[in-house]
Amino acid sequence: MSLVLIVVGAALVSTALFNKVPRYVPGRLPAPRGPGVATARRTAVPPRLHWASARLTEQGRALLTTVGGSALIVAFFLTLSGL
């Protein structure tokens, strides 16, 4: 439980601090070639993550910081209590 709260809290606080979120960019398959067509090979592009702006308002950043920080504090005290 503590580990989940740490991961969630850290993700929320880092989103609020850097104002960036990961965005999935799907990969691209190579274009199919017709019969007898001799063109340059197009290579496939693997899927990747792209950092996009979160476009948070000041209230949104404050909310994410508050909720994420609270999750980290709760995780800290749960760890101290041994749960």
C-alpha atoms as a PDB file:
ATOM      1  CA  MET A   1       0.000   0.000   0.000  1.00  0.00           C
ATOM      2  CA  SER A   2       2.810   2.362   0.869  1.00  0.00           C
ATOM      3  CA  LEU A   3       4.606   1.695  -2.390  1.00  0.00           C
ATOM      4  CA  VAL A   4       1.479   2.467  -4.415  1.00  0.00           C
ATOM      5  CA  LEU A   5       0.980   5.728  -2.525  1.00  0.00           C
ATOM      6  CA  ILE A   6       4.611   6.692  -3.093  1.00  0.00           C
ATOM      7  CA  VAL A   7       4.367   6.069  -6.838  1.00  0.00           C
ATOM      8  CA  VAL A   8       1.056   7.944  -7.176  1.00  0.00           C
ATOM      9  CA  GLY A   9       2.226  10.825  -4.991  1.00  0.00           C
ATOM     10  CA  ALA A  10       5.514  11.181  -6.830  1.00  0.00           C
ATOM     11  CA  ALA A  11       3.756  11.159 -10.211  1.00  0.00           C
ATOM     12  CA  LEU A  12       1.295  13.857  -9.144  1.00  0.00           C
ATOM     13  CA  VAL A  13       3.939  16.102  -7.593  1.00  0.00           C
ATOM     14  CA  SER A  14       6.307  15.767 -10.552  1.00  0.00           C
ATOM     15  CA  THR A  15       3.464  16.592 -12.950  1.00  0.00           C
ATOM     16  CA  ALA A  16       2.697  19.706 -10.940  1.00  0.00           C
ATOM     17  CA  LEU A  17       6.352  20.763 -10.762  1.00  0.00           C
ATOM     18  CA  PHE A  18       7.352  20.220 -14.389  1.00  0.00           C
ATOM     19  CA  ASN A  19       3.947  20.734 -16.061  1.00  0.00           C
ATOM     20  CA  LYS A  20       4.656  17.800 -18.411  1.00  0.00           C
ATOM     21  CA  VAL A  21       2.855  14.499 -18.964  1.00  0.00           C
ATOM     22  CA  PRO A  22       3.922  11.477 -21.015  1.00  0.00           C
ATOM     23  CA  ARG A  23       1.987  10.953 -24.256  1.00  0.00           C
ATOM     24  CA  TYR A  24       2.051   7.706 -26.203  1.00  0.00           C
ATOM     25  CA  VAL A  25       3.095   8.110 -29.823  1.00  0.00           C
ATOM     26  CA  PRO A  26       2.256   4.978 -31.815  1.00  0.00           C
ATOM     27  CA  GLY A  27       4.848   3.507 -34.092  1.00  0.00           C
ATOM     28  CA  ARG A  28       4.711   3.498 -37.860  1.00  0.00           C
ATOM     29  CA  LEU A  29       4.935   0.425 -40.021  1.00  0.00           C
ATOM     30  CA  PRO A  30       6.949   0.537 -43.216  1.00  0.00           C
ATOM     31  CA  ALA A  31       4.885   1.368 -46.298  1.00  0.00           C
ATOM     32  CA  PRO A  32       3.932  -1.675 -48.339  1.00  0.00           C
ATOM     33  CA  ARG A  33       5.765  -1.944 -51.619  1.00  0.00           C
ATOM     34  CA  GLY A  34       4.011  -2.885 -54.780  1.00  0.00           C
ATOM     35  CA  PRO A  35       5.297  -5.584 -57.121  1.00  0.00           C
ATOM     36  CA  GLY A  36       8.343  -4.530 -59.069  1.00  0.00           C
ATOM     37  CA  VAL A  37       8.710  -1.157 -57.339  1.00  0.00           C
ATOM     38  CA  ALA A  38      12.297  -0.375 -56.468  1.00  0.00           C
ATOM     39  CA  THR A  39      12.226   2.525 -54.045  1.00  0.00           C
ATOM     40  CA  ALA A  40      14.243   3.464 -51.034  1.00  0.00           C
ATOM     41  CA  ARG A  41      13.319   1.447 -47.970  1.00  0.00           C
ATOM     42  CA  ARG A  42      11.239   3.178 -45.363  1.00  0.00           C
ATOM     43  CA  THR A  43      12.145   2.026 -41.939  1.00  0.00           C
ATOM     44  CA  ALA A  44       9.614   1.342 -39.250  1.00  0.00           C
ATOM     45  CA  VAL A  45       9.464   3.724 -36.301  1.00  0.00           C
ATOM     46  CA  PRO A  46       8.921   2.033 -32.926  1.00  0.00           C
ATOM     47  CA  PRO A  47       6.309   3.353 -30.495  1.00  0.00           C
ATOM     48  CA  ARG A  48       7.631   5.811 -27.928  1.00  0.00           C
ATOM     49  CA  LEU A  49       6.687   8.277 -25.225  1.00  0.00           C
ATOM     50  CA  HIS A  50       6.705  11.990 -25.908  1.00  0.00           C
ATOM     51  CA  TRP A  51       6.646  14.612 -23.159  1.00  0.00           C
ATOM     52  CA  ALA A  52       3.744  16.966 -23.786  1.00  0.00           C
ATOM     53  CA  SER A  53       2.669  20.054 -21.893  1.00  0.00           C
ATOM     54  CA  ALA A  54       0.046  19.370 -19.217  1.00  0.00           C
ATOM     55  CA  ARG A  55      -1.411  22.904 -19.615  1.00  0.00           C
ATOM     56  CA  LEU A  56      -2.266  23.138 -15.931  1.00  0.00           C
ATOM     57  CA  THR A  57      -3.743  26.239 -14.378  1.00  0.00           C
ATOM     58  CA  GLU A  58      -2.430  27.544 -11.087  1.00  0.00           C
ATOM     59  CA  GLN A  59      -5.331  25.882  -9.287  1.00  0.00           C
ATOM     60  CA  GLY A  60      -4.602  22.595 -11.043  1.00  0.00           C
ATOM     61  CA  ARG A  61      -0.955  22.705 -10.052  1.00  0.00           C
ATOM     62  CA  ALA A  62      -1.921  23.479  -6.461  1.00  0.00           C
ATOM     63  CA  LEU A  63      -4.404  20.602  -6.408  1.00  0.00           C
ATOM     64  CA  LEU A  64      -1.902  18.094  -7.794  1.00  0.00           C
ATOM     65  CA  THR A  65       0.764  19.250  -5.359  1.00  0.00           C
ATOM     66  CA  THR A  66      -1.631  18.992  -2.409  1.00  0.00           C
ATOM     67  CA  VAL A  67      -3.013  15.563  -3.269  1.00  0.00           C
ATOM     68  CA  GLY A  68       0.397  14.151  -4.242  1.00  0.00           C
ATOM     69  CA  GLY A  69       2.088  15.543  -1.150  1.00  0.00           C
ATOM     70  CA  SER A  70      -0.679  14.169   1.059  1.00  0.00           C
ATOM     71  CA  ALA A  71      -0.252  10.741  -0.523  1.00  0.00           C
ATOM     72  CA  LEU A  72       3.481  10.875   0.189  1.00  0.00           C
ATOM     73  CA  ILE A  73       2.876  11.886   3.818  1.00  0.00           C
ATOM     74  CA  VAL A  74       0.341   9.085   4.314  1.00  0.00           C
ATOM     75  CA  ALA A  75       2.784   6.598   2.768  1.00  0.00           C
ATOM     76  CA  PHE A  76       5.515   7.801   5.114  1.00  0.00           C
ATOM     77  CA  PHE A  77       3.369   7.286   8.214  1.00  0.00           C
ATOM     78  CA  LEU A  78       2.072   3.922   6.994  1.00  0.00           C
ATOM     79  CA  THR A  79       5.670   2.809   6.561  1.00  0.00           C
ATOM     80  CA  LEU A  80       6.552   3.974  10.055  1.00  0.00           C
ATOM     81  CA  SER A  81       3.604   2.106  11.542  1.00  0.00           C
ATOM     82  CA  GLY A  82       4.600  -1.079   9.738  1.00  0.00           C
ATOM     83  CA  LEU A  83       1.481  -1.506   7.611  1.00  0.00           C
END
